[in-house]
Protein backbone atom coordinates (compact mmCIF):
# COMPACT_ATOMS: atom_id res chain seq x y z
CA MET A 1 -122.58 -139.63 -44.30
CA GLN A 2 -124.77 -140.41 -47.40
CA GLY A 3 -126.49 -138.44 -49.41
CA VAL A 4 -130.24 -138.50 -49.98
CA THR A 5 -132.14 -139.13 -53.08
CA TYR A 6 -135.41 -137.86 -53.49
CA GLN A 7 -137.57 -139.83 -56.78
CA ALA A 8 -139.56 -137.01 -57.92
CA ASP A 9 -141.11 -138.82 -61.08
CA GLN A 10 -144.29 -138.52 -61.89
CA PHE A 11 -144.75 -136.58 -58.72
CA LEU A 12 -147.84 -134.05 -59.57
CA ASP A 13 -149.48 -137.16 -61.63
CA LYS A 14 -149.35 -138.97 -57.57
CA ASN A 15 -150.70 -136.38 -56.45
CA LYS A 16 -154.12 -135.11 -57.59
CA ASP A 17 -156.18 -135.31 -54.80
CA TYR A 18 -158.58 -132.41 -54.77
CA VAL A 19 -158.48 -130.27 -51.65
CA VAL A 20 -162.27 -129.82 -51.16
CA ALA A 21 -163.20 -126.30 -50.81
CA GLU A 22 -164.67 -127.08 -47.45
CA HIS A 23 -162.44 -128.93 -45.94
CA ARG A 24 -160.04 -125.98 -46.86
CA ASP A 25 -162.00 -123.58 -45.19
CA LEU A 26 -162.14 -125.11 -42.29
CA LEU A 27 -158.15 -125.88 -41.90
CA ASN A 28 -157.37 -122.06 -42.78
CA ALA A 29 -160.02 -121.30 -39.80
CA SER A 30 -157.77 -123.07 -37.78
CA LYS A 31 -156.36 -121.45 -34.61
CA CYS A 32 -153.27 -123.41 -34.70
CA PRO A 33 -150.98 -121.34 -37.18
CA PHE A 34 -149.70 -124.29 -38.78
CA VAL A 35 -152.76 -125.99 -39.86
CA ALA A 36 -153.68 -122.92 -41.02
CA ASN A 37 -151.18 -121.82 -43.26
CA LEU A 38 -151.30 -125.92 -45.15
CA PHE A 39 -153.58 -124.88 -47.46
CA PRO A 40 -153.10 -120.63 -47.81
CA LEU A 41 -156.23 -118.86 -49.81
CA LEU A 42 -155.35 -119.17 -53.40
CA SER A 43 -155.31 -115.75 -55.31
CA GLU A 44 -158.10 -114.50 -57.91
CA GLU A 45 -155.92 -115.59 -60.71
CA ALA A 46 -154.88 -119.24 -59.45
CA LEU A 47 -158.47 -119.50 -59.11
CA LYS A 48 -159.68 -118.77 -62.18
CA GLN A 49 -157.18 -121.13 -63.85
CA SER A 50 -158.37 -124.05 -62.41
CA LYS A 51 -162.03 -125.17 -60.92
CA PHE A 52 -160.62 -127.62 -58.38
CA SER A 53 -157.17 -127.12 -56.78
CA SER A 54 -155.22 -129.96 -56.58
CA ILE A 55 -152.21 -131.16 -53.51
CA GLY A 56 -149.81 -131.63 -56.55
CA ASN A 57 -150.85 -127.76 -58.15
CA ARG A 58 -150.92 -126.32 -55.18
CA THR A 59 -147.42 -127.47 -54.48
CA LYS A 60 -146.64 -126.48 -58.03
CA GLN A 61 -148.04 -122.69 -57.04
CA GLN A 62 -146.17 -122.45 -54.09
CA LEU A 63 -142.54 -123.89 -55.49
CA GLN A 64 -143.31 -121.21 -58.52
CA ALA A 65 -143.65 -118.26 -55.63
CA LEU A 66 -140.42 -119.85 -53.78
CA MET A 67 -138.62 -119.64 -57.03
CA GLU A 68 -139.46 -116.20 -58.09
CA THR A 69 -138.66 -114.67 -54.22
CA LEU A 70 -135.21 -116.67 -54.18
CA THR A 71 -134.35 -114.84 -57.84
CA THR A 72 -135.13 -111.53 -56.45
CA THR A 73 -133.12 -111.82 -53.80
CA GLU A 74 -129.19 -112.27 -53.15
CA PRO A 75 -128.57 -114.70 -50.29
CA HIS A 76 -125.89 -115.14 -47.93
CA TYR A 77 -124.96 -118.05 -46.23
CA ILE A 78 -123.51 -118.33 -42.68
CA ARG A 79 -121.53 -121.20 -41.75
CA CYS A 80 -122.48 -122.46 -38.04
CA VAL A 81 -119.88 -125.42 -36.54
CA LYS A 82 -121.90 -127.68 -34.87
CA PRO A 83 -119.70 -128.26 -31.64
CA ASN A 84 -120.89 -131.98 -30.82
CA ALA A 85 -123.37 -134.51 -32.09
CA VAL A 86 -125.66 -134.40 -29.12
CA LEU A 87 -126.49 -130.76 -29.23
CA LYS A 88 -125.88 -129.69 -25.94
CA PRO A 89 -123.89 -126.90 -24.65
CA ALA A 90 -119.85 -126.57 -23.17
CA ILE A 91 -118.79 -130.19 -25.11
CA PHE A 92 -116.26 -129.25 -28.13
CA GLU A 93 -115.20 -132.54 -29.83
CA ASN A 94 -112.27 -131.50 -31.46
CA PHE A 95 -112.76 -133.90 -34.46
CA ASN A 96 -116.04 -133.05 -35.51
CA VAL A 97 -115.19 -129.10 -35.45
CA LEU A 98 -111.86 -130.03 -37.29
CA ASN A 99 -113.42 -132.42 -39.68
CA GLN A 100 -116.01 -129.78 -40.37
CA LEU A 101 -113.68 -126.90 -41.38
CA ARG A 102 -111.77 -129.21 -43.75
CA CYS A 103 -114.98 -130.41 -45.33
CA TRP A 104 -115.85 -125.94 -45.88
CA GLY A 105 -112.38 -125.62 -47.08
CA ILE A 106 -111.55 -123.05 -44.53
CA LEU A 107 -108.20 -125.24 -43.51
CA GLU A 108 -106.80 -124.52 -47.28
CA ALA A 109 -108.05 -120.91 -47.19
CA ILE A 110 -106.08 -120.60 -43.67
CA ARG A 111 -102.96 -122.50 -45.88
CA ILE A 112 -103.49 -120.03 -48.38
CA SER A 113 -103.82 -116.94 -46.49
CA CYS A 114 -100.57 -117.89 -44.11
CA ALA A 115 -98.70 -118.57 -47.52
CA GLY A 116 -99.06 -114.82 -48.59
CA TYR A 117 -101.60 -115.25 -51.30
CA PRO A 118 -104.74 -112.97 -51.48
CA THR A 119 -107.52 -114.42 -50.76
CA LYS A 120 -110.31 -111.96 -50.57
CA ARG A 121 -108.87 -108.71 -52.66
CA THR A 122 -110.64 -107.03 -54.83
CA PHE A 123 -108.60 -106.45 -58.49
CA ASP A 124 -107.43 -103.06 -57.70
CA GLU A 125 -105.92 -104.12 -54.23
CA PHE A 126 -104.48 -107.33 -56.37
CA PHE A 127 -103.12 -105.86 -59.26
CA ASP A 128 -101.18 -102.76 -56.93
CA ARG A 129 -99.52 -106.01 -54.67
CA PHE A 130 -98.40 -108.12 -57.32
CA ARG A 131 -97.95 -105.89 -60.36
CA ILE A 132 -94.32 -105.89 -60.31
CA LEU A 133 -94.59 -109.62 -60.76
CA VAL A 134 -95.57 -108.99 -64.70
CA PRO A 135 -93.49 -105.61 -65.68
CA ASP A 136 -94.60 -106.22 -69.44
CA VAL A 137 -98.25 -105.90 -68.43
CA LEU A 138 -97.49 -101.78 -67.27
CA ASP A 139 -95.57 -101.57 -70.65
CA GLY A 140 -98.67 -102.35 -72.98
CA SER A 141 -96.32 -104.87 -74.32
């Protein structure tokens, strides 16, 4: 699998197409939710900053809003195993599943866990279990 490369140099310069207010209002009035949300209404503050609203500026403002939201949250990720390439139920491709588990480091974590090493212990649990290995730490020397 190859990575995707994006070219973002001069993105804002290339996207200085201005959104005509009448066109924006027409899109916002659409009954289709996707179309209506393509160009959400600007806040009063954003309207004061710029008389014209370019697509590049809109993208920049939306990205800033997204980054503000992301920095105020604590995201959690759920790994989903893709059982087959055709996305059909009741088909289980062992090689693909095993490859995903290997890439995520799950198999290595299982090996480490089976060997008796702690994988997700608090410091106190870890210390209680393994302090006998370093008795000089307990003596303070």
